[in-house]
Each structure stands twice: as structure tokens, then as C-alpha cells.
Amino acid sequence: MTRTVKTPGPDHPITVEPNPERVVVRAAGKVIADTTSALTLREADYPPVQYIPLADVEESALRPSDAQTYCPYKGDASYYSLVTADGEIADAVWTYEKPYDAVGPIAGHVAFYPQHVETAAE
């Protein structure tokens, strides 16, 4: 299957910058990620997304999923289900294992759908 690859530009800007603050992610009241190495991805008119180094996420909170999606600006995304005390939330976390060069720094990082977690910068 041929995939369209798009480059960020004035019509669809994307930036990836280090977040200077400590970022803590909680699910069902439990800390599942705590980092001072988050990256903030800003894409067009979408809300900013915090990408957390996988090494700073509680390993037991993630269960690999078979879900996959494609973004022409970032590449192939794979997903994790989020395991909490309240149960499992399917496909609540995503990652770009081999992102396109324009967003290369997000490799090795995950992002959380905000409706499933509480994210705070401290």
C-alpha cells in the first residue's frame, strides 16, 4: 500500500520542543508517568500533546494493543491499552516507533488521550 507522506509547513505547522516542566500523568488516581523530559508537540490547530519518554512510564500500566493508525505527517502509530485499578482502557496511549524525520524526536515516547488521564505540569 502506498502511503502519502506530507511535510509540515505554513499550511500545517508542527513543532516538537522540550517541555521545561515536570509532567505527571495519573490514571484512576495513580501516577503512571512522571518525567522532566517530556516533549510538547504542537500541530496546526490541535491542542498541544505531551510525549512522555517510555522509560518514564510505569511499565505495568501499559498493555500492547493490535491497533494501528497512520498519519501522513508523523507516520505509523501503534497503541497501548491503559491498565488501571478500575480496569483496562483500550487504545488510550499511542506511540510512533519510527516517526518521520520532521517529528523524529518523539521516537521512544508515548502520548495519552486526555479523556483517560489527568496530566499536570508541575
PDB file of N, CA and C in Angstrom:
ATOM      1  N   MET A   1       0.841  -1.173   0.000  1.00  0.00           N
ATOM      2  CA  MET A   1       0.000   0.000   0.000  1.00  0.00           C
ATOM      3  C   MET A   1       0.889   1.240   0.000  1.00  0.00           C
ATOM      4  N   THR A   2       0.618   2.182  -0.889  1.00  0.00           N
ATOM      5  CA  THR A   2       1.362   3.427  -0.965  1.00  0.00           C
ATOM      6  C   THR A   2       0.812   4.407   0.058  1.00  0.00           C
ATOM      7  N   ARG A   3       1.716   5.000   0.816  1.00  0.00           N
ATOM      8  CA  ARG A   3       1.325   5.968   1.843  1.00  0.00           C
ATOM      9  C   ARG A   3       1.738   7.360   1.398  1.00  0.00           C
ATOM     10  N   THR A   4       0.841   8.300   1.559  1.00  0.00           N
ATOM     11  CA  THR A   4       1.168   9.688   1.294  1.00  0.00           C
ATOM     12  C   THR A   4       1.964  10.222   2.477  1.00  0.00           C
ATOM     13  N   VAL A   5       3.101  10.833   2.189  1.00  0.00           N
ATOM     14  CA  VAL A   5       3.922  11.447   3.228  1.00  0.00           C
ATOM     15  C   VAL A   5       3.859  12.955   3.009  1.00  0.00           C
ATOM     16  N   LYS A   6       3.451  13.681   4.054  1.00  0.00           N
ATOM     17  CA  LYS A   6       3.357  15.136   3.964  1.00  0.00           C
ATOM     18  C   LYS A   6       4.396  15.775   4.879  1.00  0.00           C
ATOM     19  N   THR A   7       4.888  16.908   4.450  1.00  0.00           N
ATOM     20  CA  THR A   7       5.875  17.653   5.218  1.00  0.00           C
ATOM     21  C   THR A   7       5.186  18.831   5.890  1.00  0.00           C
ATOM     22  N   PRO A   8       5.406  19.021   7.193  1.00  0.00           N
ATOM     23  CA  PRO A   8       4.824  20.185   7.853  1.00  0.00           C
ATOM     24  C   PRO A   8       5.295  21.473   7.175  1.00  0.00           C
ATOM     25  N   GLY A   9       4.419  22.459   7.161  1.00  0.00           N
ATOM     26  CA  GLY A   9       4.745  23.746   6.550  1.00  0.00           C
ATOM     27  C   GLY A   9       3.763  24.791   7.020  1.00  0.00           C
ATOM     28  N   PRO A  10       3.726  25.928   6.385  1.00  0.00           N
ATOM     29  CA  PRO A  10       2.844  27.018   6.822  1.00  0.00           C
ATOM     30  C   PRO A  10       1.362  26.639   6.872  1.00  0.00           C
ATOM     31  N   ASP A  11       0.938  25.750   5.972  1.00  0.00           N
ATOM     32  CA  ASP A  11      -0.469  25.336   5.957  1.00  0.00           C
ATOM     33  C   ASP A  11      -0.785  24.283   7.019  1.00  0.00           C
ATOM     34  N   HIS A  12       0.241  23.599   7.532  1.00  0.00           N
ATOM     35  CA  HIS A  12       0.066  22.579   8.570  1.00  0.00           C
ATOM     36  C   HIS A  12       1.360  22.507   9.393  1.00  0.00           C
ATOM     37  N   PRO A  13       1.559  23.506  10.278  1.00  0.00           N
ATOM     38  CA  PRO A  13       2.806  23.525  11.048  1.00  0.00           C
ATOM     39  C   PRO A  13       2.824  22.472  12.149  1.00  0.00           C
ATOM     40  N   ILE A  14       4.015  21.924  12.396  1.00  0.00           N
ATOM     41  CA  ILE A  14       4.234  21.000  13.511  1.00  0.00           C
ATOM     42  C   ILE A  14       5.577  21.376  14.143  1.00  0.00           C
ATOM     43  N   THR A  15       5.554  21.529  15.457  1.00  0.00           N
ATOM     44  CA  THR A  15       6.799  21.750  16.194  1.00  0.00           C
ATOM     45  C   THR A  15       6.892  20.739  17.324  1.00  0.00           C
ATOM     46  N   VAL A  16       8.125  20.372  17.667  1.00  0.00           N
ATOM     47  CA  VAL A  16       8.392  19.486  18.798  1.00  0.00           C
ATOM     48  C   VAL A  16       9.455  20.183  19.633  1.00  0.00           C
ATOM     49  N   GLU A  17       9.103  20.472  20.895  1.00  0.00           N
ATOM     50  CA  GLU A  17      10.022  21.186  21.768  1.00  0.00           C
ATOM     51  C   GLU A  17      10.074  20.528  23.136  1.00  0.00           C
ATOM     52  N   PRO A  18      11.232  20.566  23.790  1.00  0.00           N
ATOM     53  CA  PRO A  18      11.304  20.052  25.165  1.00  0.00           C
ATOM     54  C   PRO A  18      10.391  20.866  26.078  1.00  0.00           C
ATOM     55  N   ASN A  19       9.701  20.186  26.954  1.00  0.00           N
ATOM     56  CA  ASN A  19       8.881  20.853  27.964  1.00  0.00           C
ATOM     57  C   ASN A  19       9.777  21.045  29.189  1.00  0.00           C
ATOM     58  N   PRO A  20       9.998  22.288  29.621  1.00  0.00           N
ATOM     59  CA  PRO A  20      10.914  22.522  30.743  1.00  0.00           C
ATOM     60  C   PRO A  20      10.340  22.120  32.108  1.00  0.00           C
ATOM     61  N   GLU A  21       9.047  21.809  32.154  1.00  0.00           N
ATOM     62  CA  GLU A  21       8.398  21.470  33.420  1.00  0.00           C
ATOM     63  C   GLU A  21       8.367  19.964  33.656  1.00  0.00           C
ATOM     64  N   ARG A  22       8.171  19.616  34.887  1.00  0.00           N
ATOM     65  CA  ARG A  22       7.926  18.218  35.244  1.00  0.00           C
ATOM     66  C   ARG A  22       6.477  17.900  34.838  1.00  0.00           C
ATOM     67  N   VAL A  23       6.275  16.777  34.172  1.00  0.00           N
ATOM     68  CA  VAL A  23       4.939  16.362  33.746  1.00  0.00           C
ATOM     69  C   VAL A  23       4.592  15.060  34.458  1.00  0.00           C
ATOM     70  N   VAL A  24       3.422  15.064  35.113  1.00  0.00           N
ATOM     71  CA  VAL A  24       2.942  13.887  35.834  1.00  0.00           C
ATOM     72  C   VAL A  24       1.605  13.474  35.225  1.00  0.00           C
ATOM     73  N   VAL A  25       1.486  12.185  34.904  1.00  0.00           N
ATOM     74  CA  VAL A  25       0.258  11.640  34.328  1.00  0.00           C
ATOM     75  C   VAL A  25      -0.329  10.661  35.328  1.00  0.00           C
ATOM     76  N   ARG A  26      -1.624  10.835  35.620  1.00  0.00           N
ATOM     77  CA  ARG A  26      -2.330   9.944  36.543  1.00  0.00           C
ATOM     78  C   ARG A  26      -3.525   9.307  35.833  1.00  0.00           C
ATOM     79  N   ALA A  27      -3.783   8.064  36.198  1.00  0.00           N
ATOM     80  CA  ALA A  27      -4.975   7.355  35.717  1.00  0.00           C
ATOM     81  C   ALA A  27      -5.601   6.680  36.924  1.00  0.00           C
ATOM     82  N   ALA A  28      -6.884   6.876  37.096  1.00  0.00           N
ATOM     83  CA  ALA A  28      -7.612   6.311  38.239  1.00  0.00           C
ATOM     84  C   ALA A  28      -6.906   6.665  39.551  1.00  0.00           C
ATOM     85  N   GLY A  29      -6.371   7.894  39.611  1.00  0.00           N
ATOM     86  CA  GLY A  29      -5.743   8.376  40.833  1.00  0.00           C
ATOM     87  C   GLY A  29      -4.312   7.931  41.074  1.00  0.00           C
ATOM     88  N   LYS A  30      -3.787   7.083  40.212  1.00  0.00           N
ATOM     89  CA  LYS A  30      -2.421   6.557  40.398  1.00  0.00           C
ATOM     90  C   LYS A  30      -1.467   7.195  39.389  1.00  0.00           C
ATOM     91  N   VAL A  31      -0.270   7.557  39.853  1.00  0.00           N
ATOM     92  CA  VAL A  31       0.749   8.093  38.946  1.00  0.00           C
ATOM     93  C   VAL A  31       1.222   6.969  38.031  1.00  0.00           C
ATOM     94  N   ILE A  32       1.115   7.197  36.715  1.00  0.00           N
ATOM     95  CA  ILE A  32       1.570   6.197  35.751  1.00  0.00           C
ATOM     96  C   ILE A  32       2.757   6.701  34.929  1.00  0.00           C
ATOM     97  N   ALA A  33       3.015   8.017  35.017  1.00  0.00           N
ATOM     98  CA  ALA A  33       4.173   8.587  34.335  1.00  0.00           C
ATOM     99  C   ALA A  33       4.609   9.834  35.086  1.00  0.00           C
ATOM    100  N   ASP A  34       5.909   9.999  35.179  1.00  0.00           N
ATOM    101  CA  ASP A  34       6.480  11.153  35.875  1.00  0.00           C
ATOM    102  C   ASP A  34       7.798  11.451  35.182  1.00  0.00           C
ATOM    103  N   THR A  35       7.909  12.653  34.581  1.00  0.00           N
ATOM    104  CA  THR A  35       9.100  12.947  33.787  1.00  0.00           C
ATOM    105  C   THR A  35       9.469  14.421  33.816  1.00  0.00           C
ATOM    106  N   THR A  36      10.724  14.674  33.622  1.00  0.00           N
ATOM    107  CA  THR A  36      11.217  16.026  33.366  1.00  0.00           C
ATOM    108  C   THR A  36      11.765  16.097  31.942  1.00  0.00           C
ATOM    109  N   SER A  37      11.410  15.102  31.135  1.00  0.00           N
ATOM    110  CA  SER A  37      11.919  15.012  29.760  1.00  0.00           C
ATOM    111  C   SER A  37      10.811  14.931  28.721  1.00  0.00           C
ATOM    112  N   ALA A  38       9.642  15.493  29.033  1.00  0.00           N
ATOM    113  CA  ALA A  38       8.526  15.459  28.081  1.00  0.00           C
ATOM    114  C   ALA A  38       8.830  16.360  26.881  1.00  0.00           C
ATOM    115  N   LEU A  39       8.238  15.998  25.770  1.00  0.00           N
ATOM    116  CA  LEU A  39       8.285  16.823  24.568  1.00  0.00           C
ATOM    117  C   LEU A  39       6.873  17.315  24.280  1.00  0.00           C
ATOM    118  N   THR A  40       6.737  18.584  23.930  1.00  0.00           N
ATOM    119  CA  THR A  40       5.436  19.136  23.563  1.00  0.00           C
ATOM    120  C   THR A  40       5.364  19.221  22.050  1.00  0.00           C
ATOM    121  N   LEU A  41       4.398  18.507  21.477  1.00  0.00           N
ATOM    122  CA  LEU A  41       4.174  18.552  20.037  1.00  0.00           C
ATOM    123  C   LEU A  41       2.977  19.453  19.783  1.00  0.00           C
ATOM    124  N   ARG A  42       3.202  20.462  18.965  1.00  0.00           N
ATOM    125  CA  ARG A  42       2.113  21.356  18.551  1.00  0.00           C
ATOM    126  C   ARG A  42       1.905  21.130  17.060  1.00  0.00           C
ATOM    127  N   GLU A  43       0.655  20.838  16.706  1.00  0.00           N
ATOM    128  CA  GLU A  43       0.325  20.526  15.317  1.00  0.00           C
ATOM    129  C   GLU A  43      -0.890  21.324  14.886  1.00  0.00           C
ATOM    130  N   ALA A  44      -0.673  22.198  13.909  1.00  0.00           N
ATOM    131  CA  ALA A  44      -1.745  23.013  13.338  1.00  0.00           C
ATOM    132  C   ALA A  44      -2.609  23.605  14.450  1.00  0.00           C
ATOM    133  N   ASP A  45      -3.925  23.417  14.369  1.00  0.00           N
ATOM    134  CA  ASP A  45      -4.845  23.986  15.357  1.00  0.00           C
ATOM    135  C   ASP A  45      -5.233  23.003  16.455  1.00  0.00           C
ATOM    136  N   TYR A  46      -4.576  21.845  16.508  1.00  0.00           N
ATOM    137  CA  TYR A  46      -4.885  20.850  17.542  1.00  0.00           C
ATOM    138  C   TYR A  46      -4.302  21.293  18.885  1.00  0.00           C
ATOM    139  N   PRO A  47      -4.880  20.815  19.988  1.00  0.00           N
ATOM    140  CA  PRO A  47      -4.282  21.112  21.293  1.00  0.00           C
ATOM    141  C   PRO A  47      -2.884  20.497  21.386  1.00  0.00           C
ATOM    142  N   PRO A  48      -1.967  21.131  22.122  1.00  0.00           N
ATOM    143  CA  PRO A  48      -0.626  20.560  22.295  1.00  0.00           C
ATOM    144  C   PRO A  48      -0.704  19.174  22.944  1.00  0.00           C
ATOM    145  N   VAL A  49       0.225  18.309  22.569  1.00  0.00           N
ATOM    146  CA  VAL A  49       0.277  16.939  23.095  1.00  0.00           C
ATOM    147  C   VAL A  49       1.630  16.736  23.778  1.00  0.00           C
ATOM    148  N   GLN A  50       1.577  16.177  24.980  1.00  0.00           N
ATOM    149  CA  GLN A  50       2.798  15.847  25.710  1.00  0.00           C
ATOM    150  C   GLN A  50       3.224  14.426  25.335  1.00  0.00           C
ATOM    151  N   TYR A  51       4.432  14.307  24.827  1.00  0.00           N
ATOM    152  CA  TYR A  51       5.011  13.000  24.536  1.00  0.00           C
ATOM    153  C   TYR A  51       5.988  12.685  25.668  1.00  0.00           C
ATOM    154  N   ILE A  52       5.738  11.578  26.351  1.00  0.00           N
ATOM    155  CA  ILE A  52       6.478  11.168  27.542  1.00  0.00           C
ATOM    156  C   ILE A  52       7.443  10.050  27.165  1.00  0.00           C
ATOM    157  N   PRO A  53       8.711  10.141  27.595  1.00  0.00           N
ATOM    158  CA  PRO A  53       9.616   9.022  27.320  1.00  0.00           C
ATOM    159  C   PRO A  53       9.052   7.713  27.878  1.00  0.00           C
ATOM    160  N   LEU A  54       9.066   6.684  27.077  1.00  0.00           N
ATOM    161  CA  LEU A  54       8.537   5.388  27.501  1.00  0.00           C
ATOM    162  C   LEU A  54       9.213   4.923  28.783  1.00  0.00           C
ATOM    163  N   ALA A  55      10.480   5.253  28.956  1.00  0.00           N
ATOM    164  CA  ALA A  55      11.219   4.848  30.153  1.00  0.00           C
ATOM    165  C   ALA A  55      10.669   5.491  31.427  1.00  0.00           C
ATOM    166  N   ASP A  56       9.895   6.576  31.286  1.00  0.00           N
ATOM    167  CA  ASP A  56       9.333   7.270  32.446  1.00  0.00           C
ATOM    168  C   ASP A  56       7.871   6.916  32.707  1.00  0.00           C
ATOM    169  N   VAL A  57       7.389   5.866  32.056  1.00  0.00           N
ATOM    170  CA  VAL A  57       6.014   5.394  32.224  1.00  0.00           C
ATOM    171  C   VAL A  57       6.040   4.076  32.985  1.00  0.00           C
ATOM    172  N   GLU A  58       5.140   3.928  33.926  1.00  0.00           N
ATOM    173  CA  GLU A  58       5.027   2.681  34.698  1.00  0.00           C
ATOM    174  C   GLU A  58       4.715   1.538  33.722  1.00  0.00           C
ATOM    175  N   GLU A  59       5.653   0.633  33.591  1.00  0.00           N
ATOM    176  CA  GLU A  59       5.532  -0.448  32.605  1.00  0.00           C
ATOM    177  C   GLU A  59       4.265  -1.276  32.798  1.00  0.00           C
ATOM    178  N   SER A  60       3.878  -1.522  34.052  1.00  0.00           N
ATOM    179  CA  SER A  60       2.698  -2.354  34.318  1.00  0.00           C
ATOM    180  C   SER A  60       1.395  -1.669  33.921  1.00  0.00           C
ATOM    181  N   ALA A  61       1.445  -0.381  33.616  1.00  0.00           N
ATOM    182  CA  ALA A  61       0.234   0.349  33.233  1.00  0.00           C
ATOM    183  C   ALA A  61      -0.072   0.236  31.744  1.00  0.00           C
ATOM    184  N   LEU A  62       0.849  -0.335  30.978  1.00  0.00           N
ATOM    185  CA  LEU A  62       0.678  -0.424  29.533  1.00  0.00           C
ATOM    186  C   LEU A  62       0.588  -1.869  29.067  1.00  0.00           C
ATOM    187  N   ARG A  63      -0.389  -2.117  28.206  1.00  0.00           N
ATOM    188  CA  ARG A  63      -0.515  -3.434  27.576  1.00  0.00           C
ATOM    189  C   ARG A  63      -0.559  -3.200  26.063  1.00  0.00           C
ATOM    190  N   PRO A  64       0.377  -3.783  25.304  1.00  0.00           N
ATOM    191  CA  PRO A  64       0.379  -3.564  23.851  1.00  0.00           C
ATOM    192  C   PRO A  64      -0.961  -3.948  23.222  1.00  0.00           C
ATOM    193  N   SER A  65      -1.347  -3.168  22.242  1.00  0.00           N
ATOM    194  CA  SER A  65      -2.595  -3.381  21.522  1.00  0.00           C
ATOM    195  C   SER A  65      -2.265  -3.726  20.071  1.00  0.00           C
ATOM    196  N   ASP A  66      -3.214  -4.292  19.377  1.00  0.00           N
ATOM    197  CA  ASP A  66      -3.029  -4.572  17.953  1.00  0.00           C
ATOM    198  C   ASP A  66      -3.418  -3.385  17.078  1.00  0.00           C
ATOM    199  N   ALA A  67      -3.981  -2.338  17.689  1.00  0.00           N
ATOM    200  CA  ALA A  67      -4.460  -1.182  16.924  1.00  0.00           C
ATOM    201  C   ALA A  67      -3.300  -0.440  16.274  1.00  0.00           C
ATOM    202  N   GLN A  68      -3.546   0.062  15.084  1.00  0.00           N
ATOM    203  CA  GLN A  68      -2.577   0.882  14.360  1.00  0.00           C
ATOM    204  C   GLN A  68      -3.323   1.921  13.548  1.00  0.00           C
ATOM    205  N   THR A  69      -2.713   3.100  13.418  1.00  0.00           N
ATOM    206  CA  THR A  69      -3.255   4.148  12.554  1.00  0.00           C
ATOM    207  C   THR A  69      -2.097   4.757  11.781  1.00  0.00           C
ATOM    208  N   TYR A  70      -2.433   5.622  10.846  1.00  0.00           N
ATOM    209  CA  TYR A  70      -1.415   6.276  10.040  1.00  0.00           C
ATOM    210  C   TYR A  70      -1.673   7.771   9.984  1.00  0.00           C
ATOM    211  N   CYS A  71      -0.631   8.548  10.153  1.00  0.00           N
ATOM    212  CA  CYS A  71      -0.680   9.996   9.990  1.00  0.00           C
ATOM    213  C   CYS A  71       0.313  10.363   8.890  1.00  0.00           C
ATOM    214  N   PRO A  72      -0.121  11.085   7.862  1.00  0.00           N
ATOM    215  CA  PRO A  72       0.808  11.415   6.778  1.00  0.00           C
ATOM    216  C   PRO A  72       1.931  12.361   7.204  1.00  0.00           C
ATOM    217  N   TYR A  73       1.797  13.005   8.354  1.00  0.00           N
ATOM    218  CA  TYR A  73       2.844  13.902   8.851  1.00  0.00           C
ATOM    219  C   TYR A  73       3.796  13.225   9.837  1.00  0.00           C
ATOM    220  N   LYS A  74       3.306  12.188  10.530  1.00  0.00           N
ATOM    221  CA  LYS A  74       4.115  11.575  11.584  1.00  0.00           C
ATOM    222  C   LYS A  74       4.486  10.126  11.299  1.00  0.00           C
ATOM    223  N   GLY A  75       3.655   9.399  10.572  1.00  0.00           N
ATOM    224  CA  GLY A  75       3.965   8.008  10.250  1.00  0.00           C
ATOM    225  C   GLY A  75       2.964   7.041  10.871  1.00  0.00           C
ATOM    226  N   ASP A  76       3.425   5.807  11.096  1.00  0.00           N
ATOM    227  CA  ASP A  76       2.577   4.746  11.640  1.00  0.00           C
ATOM    228  C   ASP A  76       2.550   4.821  13.165  1.00  0.00           C
ATOM    229  N   ALA A  77       1.350   4.838  13.716  1.00  0.00           N
ATOM    230  CA  ALA A  77       1.179   4.839  15.170  1.00  0.00           C
ATOM    231  C   ALA A  77       0.747   3.463  15.623  1.00  0.00           C
ATOM    232  N   SER A  78       1.296   3.053  16.752  1.00  0.00           N
ATOM    233  CA  SER A  78       0.824   1.836  17.409  1.00  0.00           C
ATOM    234  C   SER A  78       0.294   2.251  18.783  1.00  0.00           C
ATOM    235  N   TYR A  79      -0.446   1.341  19.403  1.00  0.00           N
ATOM    236  CA  TYR A  79      -1.197   1.700  20.610  1.00  0.00           C
ATOM    237  C   TYR A  79      -0.951   0.756  21.764  1.00  0.00           C
ATOM    238  N   TYR A  80      -1.243   1.284  22.947  1.00  0.00           N
ATOM    239  CA  TYR A  80      -1.264   0.509  24.182  1.00  0.00           C
ATOM    240  C   TYR A  80      -2.615   0.711  24.833  1.00  0.00           C
ATOM    241  N   SER A  81      -3.080  -0.314  25.500  1.00  0.00           N
ATOM    242  CA  SER A  81      -4.220  -0.153  26.394  1.00  0.00           C
ATOM    243  C   SER A  81      -3.664   0.246  27.745  1.00  0.00           C
ATOM    244  N   LEU A  82      -4.426   1.023  28.477  1.00  0.00           N
ATOM    245  CA  LEU A  82      -4.017   1.520  29.783  1.00  0.00           C
ATOM    246  C   LEU A  82      -4.640   0.638  30.853  1.00  0.00           C
ATOM    247  N   VAL A  83      -3.803   0.063  31.710  1.00  0.00           N
ATOM    248  CA  VAL A  83      -4.259  -0.831  32.766  1.00  0.00           C
ATOM    249  C   VAL A  83      -4.332  -0.024  34.061  1.00  0.00           C
ATOM    250  N   THR A  84      -5.548   0.086  34.621  1.00  0.00           N
ATOM    251  CA  THR A  84      -5.747   0.843  35.862  1.00  0.00           C
ATOM    252  C   THR A  84      -6.452  -0.042  36.890  1.00  0.00           C
ATOM    253  N   ALA A  85      -6.530   0.470  38.103  1.00  0.00           N
ATOM    254  CA  ALA A  85      -7.247  -0.249  39.165  1.00  0.00           C
ATOM    255  C   ALA A  85      -8.721  -0.398  38.815  1.00  0.00           C
ATOM    256  N   ASP A  86      -9.229   0.502  37.974  1.00  0.00           N
ATOM    257  CA  ASP A  86     -10.634   0.460  37.569  1.00  0.00           C
ATOM    258  C   ASP A  86     -10.883  -0.408  36.347  1.00  0.00           C
ATOM    259  N   GLY A  87      -9.825  -0.969  35.784  1.00  0.00           N
ATOM    260  CA  GLY A  87      -9.971  -1.809  34.592  1.00  0.00           C
ATOM    261  C   GLY A  87      -9.050  -1.345  33.486  1.00  0.00           C
ATOM    262  N   GLU A  88      -9.229  -1.923  32.315  1.00  0.00           N
ATOM    263  CA  GLU A  88      -8.380  -1.626  31.170  1.00  0.00           C
ATOM    264  C   GLU A  88      -9.099  -0.684  30.219  1.00  0.00           C
ATOM    265  N   ILE A  89      -8.369   0.314  29.735  1.00  0.00           N
ATOM    266  CA  ILE A  89      -8.908   1.275  28.775  1.00  0.00           C
ATOM    267  C   ILE A  89      -8.210   1.013  27.443  1.00  0.00           C
ATOM    268  N   ALA A  90      -8.964   0.509  26.489  1.00  0.00           N
ATOM    269  CA  ALA A  90      -8.395   0.111  25.199  1.00  0.00           C
ATOM    270  C   ALA A  90      -7.840   1.306  24.432  1.00  0.00           C
ATOM    271  N   ASP A  91      -6.657   1.131  23.883  1.00  0.00           N
ATOM    272  CA  ASP A  91      -6.050   2.079  22.945  1.00  0.00           C
ATOM    273  C   ASP A  91      -6.016   3.515  23.473  1.00  0.00           C
ATOM    274  N   ALA A  92      -5.664   3.684  24.740  1.00  0.00           N
ATOM    275  CA  ALA A  92      -5.646   5.002  25.375  1.00  0.00           C
ATOM    276  C   ALA A  92      -4.300   5.710  25.231  1.00  0.00           C
ATOM    277  N   VAL A  93      -3.302   4.992  24.716  1.00  0.00           N
ATOM    278  CA  VAL A  93      -1.943   5.508  24.625  1.00  0.00           C
ATOM    279  C   VAL A  93      -1.421   5.189  23.226  1.00  0.00           C
ATOM    280  N   TRP A  94      -0.722   6.152  22.622  1.00  0.00           N
ATOM    281  CA  TRP A  94      -0.161   5.876  21.298  1.00  0.00           C
ATOM    282  C   TRP A  94       1.309   6.258  21.237  1.00  0.00           C
ATOM    283  N   THR A  95       1.978   5.690  20.247  1.00  0.00           N
ATOM    284  CA  THR A  95       3.393   5.954  20.034  1.00  0.00           C
ATOM    285  C   THR A  95       3.714   5.858  18.550  1.00  0.00           C
ATOM    286  N   TYR A  96       4.718   6.594  18.141  1.00  0.00           N
ATOM    287  CA  TYR A  96       5.272   6.488  16.787  1.00  0.00           C
ATOM    288  C   TYR A  96       6.668   5.911  16.962  1.00  0.00           C
ATOM    289  N   GLU A  97       6.812   4.625  16.752  1.00  0.00           N
ATOM    290  CA  GLU A  97       8.100   3.969  16.977  1.00  0.00           C
ATOM    291  C   GLU A  97       9.160   4.432  15.979  1.00  0.00           C
ATOM    292  N   LYS A  98       8.734   4.668  14.741  1.00  0.00           N
ATOM    293  CA  LYS A  98       9.647   5.150  13.701  1.00  0.00           C
ATOM    294  C   LYS A  98       8.996   6.345  13.005  1.00  0.00           C
ATOM    295  N   PRO A  99       8.926   7.489  13.709  1.00  0.00           N
ATOM    296  CA  PRO A  99       8.254   8.648  13.126  1.00  0.00           C
ATOM    297  C   PRO A  99       9.036   9.223  11.949  1.00  0.00           C
ATOM    298  N   TYR A 100       8.336   9.985  11.126  1.00  0.00           N
ATOM    299  CA  TYR A 100       9.008  10.669  10.020  1.00  0.00           C
ATOM    300  C   TYR A 100       9.993  11.688  10.584  1.00  0.00           C
ATOM    301  N   ASP A 101      10.971  12.048   9.769  1.00  0.00           N
ATOM    302  CA  ASP A 101      12.063  12.920  10.209  1.00  0.00           C
ATOM    303  C   ASP A 101      11.577  14.227  10.827  1.00  0.00           C
ATOM    304  N   ALA A 102      10.512  14.805  10.301  1.00  0.00           N
ATOM    305  CA  ALA A 102      10.031  16.099  10.792  1.00  0.00           C
ATOM    306  C   ALA A 102       9.653  16.068  12.270  1.00  0.00           C
ATOM    307  N   VAL A 103       9.301  14.877  12.774  1.00  0.00           N
ATOM    308  CA  VAL A 103       8.924  14.729  14.188  1.00  0.00           C
ATOM    309  C   VAL A 103       9.770  13.642  14.856  1.00  0.00           C
ATOM    310  N   GLY A 104      10.949  13.409  14.317  1.00  0.00           N
ATOM    311  CA  GLY A 104      11.840  12.352  14.797  1.00  0.00           C
ATOM    312  C   GLY A 104      12.054  12.299  16.295  1.00  0.00           C
ATOM    313  N   PRO A 105      12.123  13.445  16.991  1.00  0.00           N
ATOM    314  CA  PRO A 105      12.367  13.382  18.442  1.00  0.00           C
ATOM    315  C   PRO A 105      11.314  12.620  19.248  1.00  0.00           C
ATOM    316  N   ILE A 106      10.097  12.418  18.713  1.00  0.00           N
ATOM    317  CA  ILE A 106       9.068  11.720  19.504  1.00  0.00           C
ATOM    318  C   ILE A 106       9.258  10.203  19.519  1.00  0.00           C
ATOM    319  N   ALA A 107      10.226   9.692  18.776  1.00  0.00           N
ATOM    320  CA  ALA A 107      10.522   8.247  18.849  1.00  0.00           C
ATOM    321  C   ALA A 107      10.875   7.905  20.294  1.00  0.00           C
ATOM    322  N   GLY A 108      10.385   6.756  20.756  1.00  0.00           N
ATOM    323  CA  GLY A 108      10.662   6.342  22.129  1.00  0.00           C
ATOM    324  C   GLY A 108       9.786   7.029  23.161  1.00  0.00           C
ATOM    325  N   HIS A 109       8.775   7.744  22.712  1.00  0.00           N
ATOM    326  CA  HIS A 109       7.856   8.463  23.585  1.00  0.00           C
ATOM    327  C   HIS A 109       6.428   7.965  23.351  1.00  0.00           C
ATOM    328  N   VAL A 110       5.574   8.179  24.334  1.00  0.00           N
ATOM    329  CA  VAL A 110       4.152   7.852  24.214  1.00  0.00           C
ATOM    330  C   VAL A 110       3.327   9.084  24.553  1.00  0.00           C
ATOM    331  N   ALA A 111       2.099   9.089  24.070  1.00  0.00           N
ATOM    332  CA  ALA A 111       1.146  10.147  24.382  1.00  0.00           C
ATOM    333  C   ALA A 111      -0.153   9.499  24.854  1.00  0.00           C
ATOM    334  N   PHE A 112      -0.868  10.219  25.692  1.00  0.00           N
ATOM    335  CA  PHE A 112      -2.084   9.708  26.316  1.00  0.00           C
ATOM    336  C   PHE A 112      -3.292  10.507  25.845  1.00  0.00           C
ATOM    337  N   TYR A 113      -4.382   9.809  25.534  1.00  0.00           N
ATOM    338  CA  TYR A 113      -5.618  10.524  25.228  1.00  0.00           C
ATOM    339  C   TYR A 113      -6.098  11.216  26.499  1.00  0.00           C
ATOM    340  N   PRO A 114      -6.312  12.543  26.424  1.00  0.00           N
ATOM    341  CA  PRO A 114      -6.606  13.305  27.649  1.00  0.00           C
ATOM    342  C   PRO A 114      -7.888  12.921  28.364  1.00  0.00           C
ATOM    343  N   GLN A 115      -8.825  12.313  27.682  1.00  0.00           N
ATOM    344  CA  GLN A 115     -10.072  11.916  28.343  1.00  0.00           C
ATOM    345  C   GLN A 115      -9.888  10.722  29.273  1.00  0.00           C
ATOM    346  N   HIS A 116      -8.729  10.071  29.207  1.00  0.00           N
ATOM    347  CA  HIS A 116      -8.477   8.886  30.017  1.00  0.00           C
ATOM    348  C   HIS A 116      -7.505   9.107  31.171  1.00  0.00           C
ATOM    349  N   VAL A 117      -6.829  10.256  31.181  1.00  0.00           N
ATOM    350  CA  VAL A 117      -5.827  10.520  32.210  1.00  0.00           C
ATOM    351  C   VAL A 117      -5.916  11.978  32.661  1.00  0.00           C
ATOM    352  N   GLU A 118      -5.238  12.255  33.770  1.00  0.00           N
ATOM    353  CA  GLU A 118      -5.036  13.624  34.223  1.00  0.00           C
ATOM    354  C   GLU A 118      -3.563  13.926  34.031  1.00  0.00           C
ATOM    355  N   THR A 119      -3.265  14.986  33.298  1.00  0.00           N
ATOM    356  CA  THR A 119      -1.886  15.364  33.057  1.00  0.00           C
ATOM    357  C   THR A 119      -1.656  16.737  33.672  1.00  0.00           C
ATOM    358  N   ALA A 120      -0.610  16.841  34.482  1.00  0.00           N
ATOM    359  CA  ALA A 120      -0.300  18.104  35.127  1.00  0.00           C
ATOM    360  C   ALA A 120       1.159  18.446  34.949  1.00  0.00           C
ATOM    361  N   ALA A 121       1.414  19.717  34.662  1.00  0.00           N
ATOM    362  CA  ALA A 121       2.783  20.219  34.647  1.00  0.00           C
ATOM    363  C   ALA A 121       3.053  20.824  36.009  1.00  0.00           C
ATOM    364  N   GLU A 122       4.145  20.438  36.591  1.00  0.00           N
ATOM    365  CA  GLU A 122       4.459  20.894  37.956  1.00  0.00           C
ATOM    366  C   GLU A 122       5.771  21.635  38.005  1.00  0.00           C
TER     367      GLU A 122
END
